[in-house]
Amino acid sequence: MRVSIDHGVCVGAGQCALTAPDVFTQDDDGFGTVLPGREDGGGGALVRVAARACPVQAVSVRDTADGPRA
């Protein structure tokens, strides 16, 4: 799995960091970011839930074997 955040779309709602704090955090400006070393989802069970919780769909979860999922 590959996890990313489109920083051009993110509005800093923080739902990703609230839902899956083991994978996401907010930067100094309040925008969502993937924690270093967690780009693979870090085994976080709530990564897909966090992607669905994003109000602007800035979080992308891609299975490495196939196309995008959220």
Protein backbone atom coordinates (compact mmCIF):
# COMPACT_ATOMS: atom_id res chain seq x y z
CA MET A 1 0.00 0.00 0.00
CA ARG A 2 1.14 3.56 -0.71
CA VAL A 3 -0.33 6.46 1.25
CA SER A 4 -0.04 10.09 0.19
CA ILE A 5 -1.67 13.47 0.69
CA ASP A 6 -2.26 15.93 -2.13
CA HIS A 7 -1.01 19.13 -0.49
CA GLY A 8 -2.60 21.20 -3.23
CA VAL A 9 -6.02 19.92 -2.12
CA CYS A 10 -5.58 19.54 1.66
CA VAL A 11 -7.42 22.18 3.71
CA GLY A 12 -6.06 21.13 7.10
CA ALA A 13 -9.25 19.63 8.51
CA GLY A 14 -7.12 17.13 10.45
CA GLN A 15 -9.42 14.15 10.06
CA CYS A 16 -6.56 11.97 8.83
CA ALA A 17 -4.42 12.71 11.90
CA LEU A 18 -7.37 12.25 14.25
CA THR A 19 -8.40 8.95 12.67
CA ALA A 20 -4.99 7.32 12.11
CA PRO A 21 -2.40 9.16 14.25
CA ASP A 22 0.08 6.31 13.77
CA VAL A 23 0.31 7.21 10.04
CA PHE A 24 -0.69 10.89 9.73
CA THR A 25 0.13 14.14 11.48
CA GLN A 26 -0.30 17.84 10.78
CA ASP A 27 2.62 20.07 9.81
CA ASP A 28 3.44 23.44 11.37
CA ASP A 29 0.85 25.12 9.13
CA GLY A 30 -1.87 22.64 10.13
CA PHE A 31 -1.95 20.67 6.90
CA GLY A 32 -2.01 16.88 6.86
CA THR A 33 1.15 14.94 6.17
CA VAL A 34 2.21 11.30 6.23
CA LEU A 35 4.65 10.53 9.02
CA PRO A 36 8.18 9.72 7.82
CA GLY A 37 8.53 6.01 7.15
CA ARG A 38 4.75 5.47 7.11
CA GLU A 39 4.21 5.95 3.37
CA ASP A 40 3.40 2.23 3.24
CA GLY A 41 0.53 2.70 5.69
CA GLY A 42 2.67 1.45 8.56
CA GLY A 43 0.26 -1.36 9.30
CA GLY A 44 -2.29 1.23 10.37
CA ALA A 45 -5.69 -0.44 10.45
CA LEU A 46 -7.48 2.89 10.08
CA VAL A 47 -5.64 4.29 7.03
CA ARG A 48 -8.56 3.64 4.64
CA VAL A 49 -11.03 5.06 7.17
CA ALA A 50 -8.86 8.18 7.42
CA ALA A 51 -8.86 8.53 3.62
CA ARG A 52 -12.66 8.33 3.53
CA ALA A 53 -12.90 10.83 6.42
CA CYS A 54 -11.03 13.53 4.50
CA PRO A 55 -13.64 16.16 3.55
CA VAL A 56 -11.77 17.13 0.36
CA GLN A 57 -10.45 13.66 -0.58
CA ALA A 58 -6.81 14.75 -0.34
CA VAL A 59 -5.68 11.40 1.10
CA SER A 60 -4.81 8.72 -1.41
CA VAL A 61 -4.37 5.04 -0.58
CA ARG A 62 -3.10 2.85 -3.39
CA ASP A 63 -2.66 -0.87 -3.20
CA THR A 64 0.74 -1.67 -4.60
CA ALA A 65 -0.72 -4.59 -6.56
CA ASP A 66 -3.48 -2.60 -8.29
CA GLY A 67 -5.11 0.80 -8.71
CA PRO A 68 -6.24 3.49 -6.26
CA ARG A 69 -8.48 2.78 -3.30
CA ALA A 70 -9.84 4.82 -0.48
